[in-house]
Amino acid sequence: MLTASISTVDVTLQVGLETQTVNVEASLPLLETETSAVAGMVENKSITYLPLVDRRSAQLQRLNGFVVQTNSGANATFAIAGGRSNNADYTVDGGTVQNLLIGVPTLIFDPPVESVQEFNVAISNYSAELGRSGGAVVQMTTKSGTNSFHGSAYEYLRNTVLQAQPEFATSNPILRYNLFGASLGGPIKKNKTQFFFNYEGRRQVVATPESLTVPNAQELTGNFNGIIDPKTGTQVVVKNPLTGQLFANNIIPTTSQDPVGLKLAAFYPQNIEGTSPTGQFVVNDPASTVVDAYVARIDHVFGEKDRIFGRLLAQPDHTLQASVFPTAACDTLGYLQHDYYYNASGNWFHNSTANTINEFRLTYTRRQYL
């Protein structure tokens, strides 16, 4: 057959049986006629099965258009629809989960994957009740129990063996990462009261290479002869602070050395010999993080017209950054940080008429972030 030629194919069609039917179905309308909002829904199947770093649900908002991710993992941030990063409004079951005390609407509680049923990302032209945002509104809904029991258990692991050695590190820094949890939902009273509970823990040890400038063994004796200033590339010049005169051979005499200063200098960690004349001290400084996240929900139906649910989000955590100096009290790198976040929310739905639904919602938040 020649290119661009016209060929004729005679096709014979058989008469079908009367019982044969052809169905064409569409799960979504081509045009949303009830609202002008531009939004995208992330379903439970996507939340459950797509791979996620740290298994946090809100990271999946990047599946929608006009979303740019500006960080990764548990610290992921997003710029949506041309807005500034961290400028979206986040809610869980209608209650805000943002940090508004410092004027930056960052997401404080990103629910575990196992606890989220679905969420919606509204980019523009959303209704007035969803205001207070210059970027987008992300509405997340937690799972509720059903009339049968369902549960899950899981664990994810990363460690040093699976990690490449960073540049400039003398050895591969420690990495131990365990994320584990379980969920359970079911009836307390069928067709009346259901519950859902999810616990997720994270245990993480990550070492960061630190390079510090500390005195070498020669400098600790007051001898700066041959010591080169790394900024100027010239010989370090040592002067007598009382007379302004140069010390001979750049050596501070023992009689001129302050005993208090010698005691303070002893707090420095020992230099790695041979690295450089400026006395570089290279060490992998580990930080241990413990995070516990809880999501609990109870739904109750009073009757055809009234139903309520209560939901609790909780996340206490702490991070211990290890000290690298021999005496921890003199270390500028070591610290202990305690954080917590608690968010309780209650909703009451009342059907006044067949076409009217009233909702009363109350959300209480308490947090500490140092």
Protein backbone atom coordinates (compact mmCIF):
# COMPACT_ATOMS: atom_id res chain seq x y z
CA MET A 1 0.00 0.00 0.00
CA LEU A 2 1.34 3.37 -1.07
CA THR A 3 1.68 6.30 1.35
CA ALA A 4 -1.35 8.62 1.23
CA SER A 5 -3.18 6.23 -1.12
CA ILE A 6 -6.93 5.66 -0.79
CA SER A 7 -8.02 2.08 -0.16
CA THR A 8 -11.48 0.61 -0.07
CA VAL A 9 -12.53 -1.99 2.48
CA ASP A 10 -15.97 -3.53 2.22
CA VAL A 11 -17.32 -4.37 5.69
CA THR A 12 -20.34 -6.57 6.17
CA LEU A 13 -22.41 -5.87 9.31
CA GLN A 14 -24.53 -8.63 10.75
CA VAL A 15 -27.93 -7.85 12.23
CA GLY A 16 -27.65 -8.05 16.01
CA LEU A 17 -30.05 -9.62 18.44
CA GLU A 18 -32.76 -7.51 20.05
CA THR A 19 -31.29 -8.21 23.50
CA GLN A 20 -27.96 -6.55 22.71
CA THR A 21 -27.43 -3.09 24.22
CA VAL A 22 -24.65 -0.49 24.16
CA ASN A 23 -24.18 1.64 27.29
CA VAL A 24 -22.10 4.81 27.39
CA GLU A 25 -21.52 6.09 30.93
CA ALA A 26 -19.57 8.97 32.41
CA SER A 27 -18.74 9.20 36.10
CA LEU A 28 -18.24 12.99 36.08
CA PRO A 29 -20.17 15.75 34.29
CA LEU A 30 -18.32 17.67 31.61
CA LEU A 31 -19.46 20.96 33.12
CA GLU A 32 -20.03 21.79 36.79
CA THR A 33 -23.30 23.72 36.73
CA GLU A 34 -23.83 24.20 40.46
CA THR A 35 -20.67 26.20 41.26
CA SER A 36 -18.10 28.38 39.51
CA ALA A 37 -15.25 27.16 41.72
CA VAL A 38 -12.15 25.69 40.09
CA ALA A 39 -11.32 22.70 42.28
CA GLY A 40 -9.96 19.20 42.22
CA MET A 41 -10.81 16.21 44.39
CA VAL A 42 -8.19 13.73 45.63
CA GLU A 43 -9.94 10.45 46.32
CA ASN A 44 -9.20 7.92 49.02
CA LYS A 45 -7.72 5.45 46.53
CA SER A 46 -5.07 7.98 45.49
CA ILE A 47 -4.32 8.89 49.09
CA THR A 48 -3.91 5.24 50.07
CA TYR A 49 -1.89 3.82 47.18
CA LEU A 50 0.32 6.61 45.83
CA PRO A 51 3.88 6.63 47.29
CA LEU A 52 4.47 9.47 49.73
CA VAL A 53 7.51 10.61 51.68
CA ASP A 54 6.58 10.58 55.39
CA ARG A 55 3.06 9.36 54.46
CA ARG A 56 1.41 12.78 54.93
CA SER A 57 -1.80 13.43 53.02
CA ALA A 58 -1.52 17.09 52.05
CA GLN A 59 1.48 16.39 49.80
CA LEU A 60 -0.95 14.98 47.24
CA GLN A 61 -2.37 18.42 46.50
CA ARG A 62 0.34 18.65 43.85
CA LEU A 63 -1.78 16.24 41.75
CA ASN A 64 -3.93 19.26 40.89
CA GLY A 65 -3.09 21.89 38.32
CA PHE A 66 -1.52 25.23 39.27
CA VAL A 67 0.28 23.68 42.27
CA VAL A 68 4.07 24.05 42.69
CA GLN A 69 5.87 22.19 45.47
CA THR A 70 8.60 24.27 47.14
CA ASN A 71 9.92 21.74 49.66
CA SER A 72 9.74 18.02 50.37
CA GLY A 73 8.81 15.44 52.97
CA ALA A 74 7.19 16.50 56.23
CA ASN A 75 8.33 20.08 55.53
CA ALA A 76 6.64 20.27 52.12
CA THR A 77 5.19 23.65 51.18
CA PHE A 78 3.16 24.62 48.11
CA ALA A 79 2.50 27.69 46.01
CA ILE A 80 -0.96 27.44 44.48
CA ALA A 81 -2.48 29.38 41.59
CA GLY A 82 0.32 31.95 41.56
CA GLY A 83 -0.04 32.70 45.28
CA ARG A 84 2.81 32.82 47.74
CA SER A 85 4.10 29.61 49.28
CA ASN A 86 2.33 28.67 52.52
CA ASN A 87 -0.58 30.99 51.70
CA ALA A 88 -3.41 28.46 51.34
CA ASP A 89 -6.15 27.81 53.89
CA TYR A 90 -6.20 24.28 55.34
CA THR A 91 -9.12 22.69 57.17
CA VAL A 92 -9.84 19.22 58.54
CA ASP A 93 -13.55 18.40 58.91
CA GLY A 94 -14.28 22.12 58.55
CA GLY A 95 -11.97 23.21 61.40
CA THR A 96 -8.78 25.12 60.64
CA VAL A 97 -5.43 23.35 61.11
CA GLN A 98 -3.19 26.33 60.45
CA ASN A 99 -0.73 28.36 62.44
CA LEU A 100 -2.20 31.88 62.41
CA LEU A 101 -0.58 33.26 65.57
CA ILE A 102 2.56 34.47 63.79
CA GLY A 103 0.70 35.70 60.72
CA VAL A 104 1.96 32.93 58.41
CA PRO A 105 -0.80 30.44 57.53
CA THR A 106 1.40 27.33 57.55
CA LEU A 107 -0.10 23.86 57.82
CA ILE A 108 0.45 22.64 61.40
CA PHE A 109 -1.18 19.19 61.29
CA ASP A 110 -0.89 17.13 58.12
CA PRO A 111 -3.06 14.05 58.79
CA PRO A 112 -1.65 10.54 58.34
CA VAL A 113 -2.71 8.81 55.13
CA GLU A 114 -4.67 6.14 57.02
CA SER A 115 -6.97 8.74 58.61
CA VAL A 116 -8.04 10.77 55.55
CA GLN A 117 -11.07 9.84 53.45
CA GLU A 118 -10.59 12.51 50.77
CA PHE A 119 -9.75 16.16 50.30
CA ASN A 120 -10.59 18.95 47.90
CA VAL A 121 -8.30 21.69 46.59
CA ALA A 122 -10.30 24.79 45.58
CA ILE A 123 -8.15 27.18 43.58
CA SER A 124 -10.40 30.12 42.76
CA ASN A 125 -13.94 31.45 42.87
CA TYR A 126 -14.79 29.41 45.95
CA SER A 127 -17.75 30.45 48.08
CA ALA A 128 -17.59 33.26 50.64
CA GLU A 129 -17.61 30.84 53.58
CA LEU A 130 -14.16 29.65 52.46
CA GLY A 131 -12.48 33.06 52.40
CA ARG A 132 -9.37 34.21 54.27
CA SER A 133 -6.95 32.83 51.71
CA GLY A 134 -4.86 34.39 48.95
CA GLY A 135 -3.94 31.08 47.35
CA ALA A 136 -6.32 28.15 47.70
CA VAL A 137 -8.55 26.34 50.17
CA VAL A 138 -7.68 22.71 50.97
CA GLN A 139 -10.53 20.88 52.71
CA MET A 140 -9.67 17.48 54.21
CA THR A 141 -12.17 14.99 55.62
CA THR A 142 -11.23 12.29 58.11
CA LYS A 143 -12.53 8.74 57.92
CA SER A 144 -15.54 7.68 59.96
CA GLY A 145 -16.46 4.24 61.24
CA THR A 146 -18.94 1.94 59.51
CA ASN A 147 -21.30 -0.83 60.57
CA SER A 148 -18.47 -3.37 60.26
CA PHE A 149 -14.99 -3.44 61.75
CA HIS A 150 -12.03 -2.50 59.58
CA GLY A 151 -8.42 -2.03 60.58
CA SER A 152 -4.86 -1.86 59.34
CA ALA A 153 -1.26 -2.00 60.58
CA TYR A 154 1.84 -0.77 58.75
CA GLU A 155 5.52 0.12 59.04
CA TYR A 156 8.02 1.83 56.75
CA LEU A 157 11.80 1.72 57.16
CA ARG A 158 14.83 3.64 55.91
CA ASN A 159 18.39 3.39 57.24
CA THR A 160 22.05 4.19 56.66
CA VAL A 161 22.59 1.20 54.36
CA LEU A 162 20.14 2.66 51.82
CA GLN A 163 21.71 6.15 51.88
CA ALA A 164 24.63 7.51 49.86
CA GLN A 165 27.45 9.23 51.74
CA PRO A 166 27.17 13.06 51.53
CA GLU A 167 29.98 15.14 50.12
CA PHE A 168 32.63 16.32 52.63
CA ALA A 169 31.44 13.81 55.26
CA THR A 170 34.25 11.63 56.61
CA SER A 171 31.79 8.77 57.07
CA ASN A 172 28.19 8.02 56.16
CA PRO A 173 25.95 9.88 58.67
CA ILE A 174 23.56 7.81 60.74
CA LEU A 175 20.04 7.47 59.35
CA ARG A 176 17.38 5.46 61.15
CA TYR A 177 13.80 6.10 60.07
CA ASN A 178 10.79 4.11 61.25
CA LEU A 179 7.22 5.11 60.50
CA PHE A 180 4.58 2.77 61.89
CA GLY A 181 0.97 2.82 62.94
CA ALA A 182 -2.42 1.17 63.06
CA SER A 183 -6.05 2.11 62.53
CA LEU A 184 -9.37 0.64 63.60
CA GLY A 185 -12.95 1.63 62.85
CA GLY A 186 -16.33 0.07 63.43
CA PRO A 187 -19.68 0.28 65.17
CA ILE A 188 -20.37 1.07 68.79
CA LYS A 189 -24.07 0.67 68.03
CA LYS A 190 -25.01 -0.29 64.49
CA ASN A 191 -26.81 2.35 62.44
CA LYS A 192 -26.37 4.76 65.37
CA THR A 193 -22.81 5.23 66.59
CA GLN A 194 -19.50 4.48 64.85
CA PHE A 195 -15.89 5.20 65.77
CA PHE A 196 -12.54 5.52 63.99
CA PHE A 197 -9.05 5.73 65.51
CA ASN A 198 -5.61 6.02 63.92
CA TYR A 199 -2.22 6.12 65.64
CA GLU A 200 0.99 6.82 63.78
CA GLY A 201 4.49 7.06 65.21
CA ARG A 202 7.74 8.25 63.70
CA ARG A 203 11.18 7.54 65.13
CA GLN A 204 13.97 9.21 63.24
CA VAL A 205 17.71 9.66 63.79
CA VAL A 206 19.47 11.80 61.19
CA ALA A 207 23.09 12.94 61.44
CA THR A 208 24.17 16.18 59.78
CA PRO A 209 27.86 16.74 58.90
CA GLU A 210 29.21 19.74 60.84
CA SER A 211 32.53 21.47 60.10
CA LEU A 212 33.77 23.73 62.91
CA THR A 213 36.88 25.86 63.22
CA VAL A 214 38.58 25.06 66.53
CA PRO A 215 42.10 25.69 67.87
CA ASN A 216 44.65 23.05 67.00
CA ALA A 217 47.15 21.65 69.47
CA GLN A 218 49.77 24.29 68.58
CA GLU A 219 47.39 27.22 69.05
CA LEU A 220 46.24 25.93 72.46
CA THR A 221 49.78 26.43 73.73
CA GLY A 222 49.81 30.04 72.53
CA ASN A 223 52.03 29.35 69.52
CA PHE A 224 50.64 30.97 66.35
CA ASN A 225 53.87 30.78 64.37
CA GLY A 226 53.07 29.50 60.86
CA ILE A 227 49.29 29.79 61.35
CA ILE A 228 47.68 31.22 58.22
CA ASP A 229 44.55 33.37 58.35
CA PRO A 230 42.03 31.60 56.01
CA LYS A 231 40.41 34.91 55.07
CA THR A 232 43.55 36.81 54.06
CA GLY A 233 45.90 33.93 53.33
CA THR A 234 48.66 35.63 55.37
CA GLN A 235 50.46 34.86 58.63
CA VAL A 236 48.36 35.42 61.76
CA VAL A 237 49.80 38.31 63.78
CA VAL A 238 49.44 38.21 67.56
CA LYS A 239 49.80 41.43 69.60
CA ASN A 240 50.07 42.15 73.27
CA PRO A 241 46.67 43.68 74.17
CA LEU A 242 48.29 45.82 76.90
CA THR A 243 51.13 47.36 74.90
CA GLY A 244 50.03 46.82 71.32
CA GLN A 245 53.46 45.34 70.53
CA LEU A 246 53.93 42.13 68.55
CA PHE A 247 54.78 38.98 70.42
CA ALA A 248 58.12 37.53 69.38
CA ASN A 249 57.69 34.80 66.74
CA ASN A 250 53.91 35.07 67.21
CA ILE A 251 54.19 33.08 70.45
CA ILE A 252 52.30 34.21 73.54
CA PRO A 253 54.53 33.70 76.59
CA THR A 254 53.20 31.48 79.33
CA THR A 255 53.30 34.42 81.76
CA SER A 256 50.93 36.38 79.51
CA GLN A 257 48.37 33.61 79.07
CA ASP A 258 45.16 34.05 81.05
CA PRO A 259 44.43 30.96 83.18
CA VAL A 260 40.69 31.50 82.72
CA GLY A 261 41.13 31.59 78.95
CA LEU A 262 43.13 28.36 79.07
CA LYS A 263 40.30 26.68 80.97
CA LEU A 264 37.76 27.90 78.41
CA ALA A 265 39.91 26.73 75.50
CA ALA A 266 39.90 23.23 76.99
CA PHE A 267 36.18 22.98 76.21
CA TYR A 268 36.87 22.91 72.47
CA PRO A 269 36.78 19.43 70.86
CA GLN A 270 40.10 18.13 69.65
CA ASN A 271 41.09 19.02 66.13
CA ILE A 272 41.44 16.36 63.42
CA GLU A 273 45.17 16.51 62.78
CA GLY A 274 46.27 17.17 59.25
CA THR A 275 42.99 18.60 57.92
CA SER A 276 44.10 22.23 57.72
CA PRO A 277 46.16 24.76 59.69
CA THR A 278 42.98 26.54 60.78
CA GLY A 279 41.91 23.58 62.89
CA GLN A 280 38.84 22.09 61.24
CA PHE A 281 36.72 19.76 63.35
CA VAL A 282 34.39 17.57 61.23
CA VAL A 283 31.73 15.46 62.92
CA ASN A 284 28.37 13.84 62.10
CA ASP A 285 25.95 15.47 64.56
CA PRO A 286 22.86 13.24 65.12
CA ALA A 287 19.35 14.55 65.84
CA SER A 288 16.72 12.21 67.30
CA THR A 289 13.06 12.97 66.57
CA VAL A 290 10.04 11.31 68.20
CA VAL A 291 6.59 12.09 66.75
CA ASP A 292 3.25 10.57 67.78
CA ALA A 293 0.09 11.45 65.81
CA TYR A 294 -3.45 10.55 66.89
CA VAL A 295 -6.73 10.92 64.99
CA ALA A 296 -9.96 9.90 66.74
CA ARG A 297 -13.54 10.37 65.58
CA ILE A 298 -17.02 9.36 66.78
CA ASP A 299 -20.19 9.77 64.68
CA HIS A 300 -23.71 9.48 66.13
CA VAL A 301 -27.14 9.64 64.51
CA PHE A 302 -29.99 10.81 66.75
CA GLY A 303 -32.64 10.45 64.08
CA GLU A 304 -33.60 11.51 60.59
CA LYS A 305 -33.07 15.19 61.39
CA ASP A 306 -30.07 15.28 63.72
CA ARG A 307 -26.58 13.85 63.67
CA ILE A 308 -23.30 14.84 65.29
CA PHE A 309 -19.64 13.92 65.25
CA GLY A 310 -16.62 14.77 67.38
CA ARG A 311 -13.03 14.61 66.21
CA LEU A 312 -9.64 14.95 67.96
CA LEU A 313 -6.24 15.57 66.34
CA ALA A 314 -3.16 15.33 68.54
CA GLN A 315 0.55 15.36 67.84
CA PRO A 316 3.14 15.66 70.65
CA ASP A 317 6.76 15.45 69.50
CA HIS A 318 10.29 16.38 70.47
CA THR A 319 13.71 16.64 68.82
CA LEU A 320 17.04 16.16 70.59
CA GLN A 321 20.03 17.59 68.72
CA ALA A 322 23.17 16.00 70.15
CA SER A 323 26.09 18.07 71.45
CA VAL A 324 29.49 17.74 69.77
CA PHE A 325 31.61 19.50 72.39
CA PRO A 326 32.97 17.35 75.23
CA THR A 327 31.03 19.50 77.71
CA ALA A 328 27.39 19.82 76.63
CA ALA A 329 26.88 23.05 78.61
CA CYS A 330 29.42 24.80 76.36
CA ASP A 331 27.98 23.47 73.11
CA THR A 332 26.22 25.85 70.73
CA LEU A 333 24.75 23.10 68.52
CA GLY A 334 22.95 20.83 70.99
CA TYR A 335 19.35 21.54 72.01
CA LEU A 336 16.09 19.87 73.06
CA GLN A 337 12.87 21.07 71.41
CA HIS A 338 9.41 20.09 72.70
CA ASP A 339 6.34 20.67 70.48
CA TYR A 340 2.71 19.65 70.64
CA TYR A 341 -0.51 20.26 68.75
CA TYR A 342 -4.09 19.50 69.83
CA ASN A 343 -7.20 20.21 67.77
CA ALA A 344 -10.70 19.22 68.95
CA SER A 345 -13.73 19.78 66.73
CA GLY A 346 -17.45 19.07 67.03
CA ASN A 347 -20.20 19.29 64.39
CA TRP A 348 -23.98 19.19 64.69
CA PHE A 349 -26.14 18.83 61.55
CA HIS A 350 -29.88 19.53 61.72
CA ASN A 351 -32.32 19.09 58.84
CA SER A 352 -34.91 21.79 59.40
CA THR A 353 -36.80 20.98 56.22
CA ALA A 354 -36.32 18.76 53.20
CA ASN A 355 -34.32 21.56 51.55
CA THR A 356 -32.67 23.21 54.57
CA ILE A 357 -29.70 21.97 56.60
CA ASN A 358 -28.19 23.86 59.51
CA GLU A 359 -24.66 23.13 60.71
CA PHE A 360 -23.05 24.21 63.98
CA ARG A 361 -19.29 23.73 64.24
CA LEU A 362 -16.86 24.43 67.08
CA THR A 363 -13.08 23.97 66.86
CA TYR A 364 -10.53 24.42 69.65
CA THR A 365 -6.77 24.47 69.04
CA ARG A 366 -3.84 24.44 71.42
CA ARG A 367 -0.25 24.24 70.30
CA GLN A 368 3.36 24.82 71.24
CA TYR A 369 6.05 25.27 68.64
CA LEU A 370 9.45 26.51 69.79
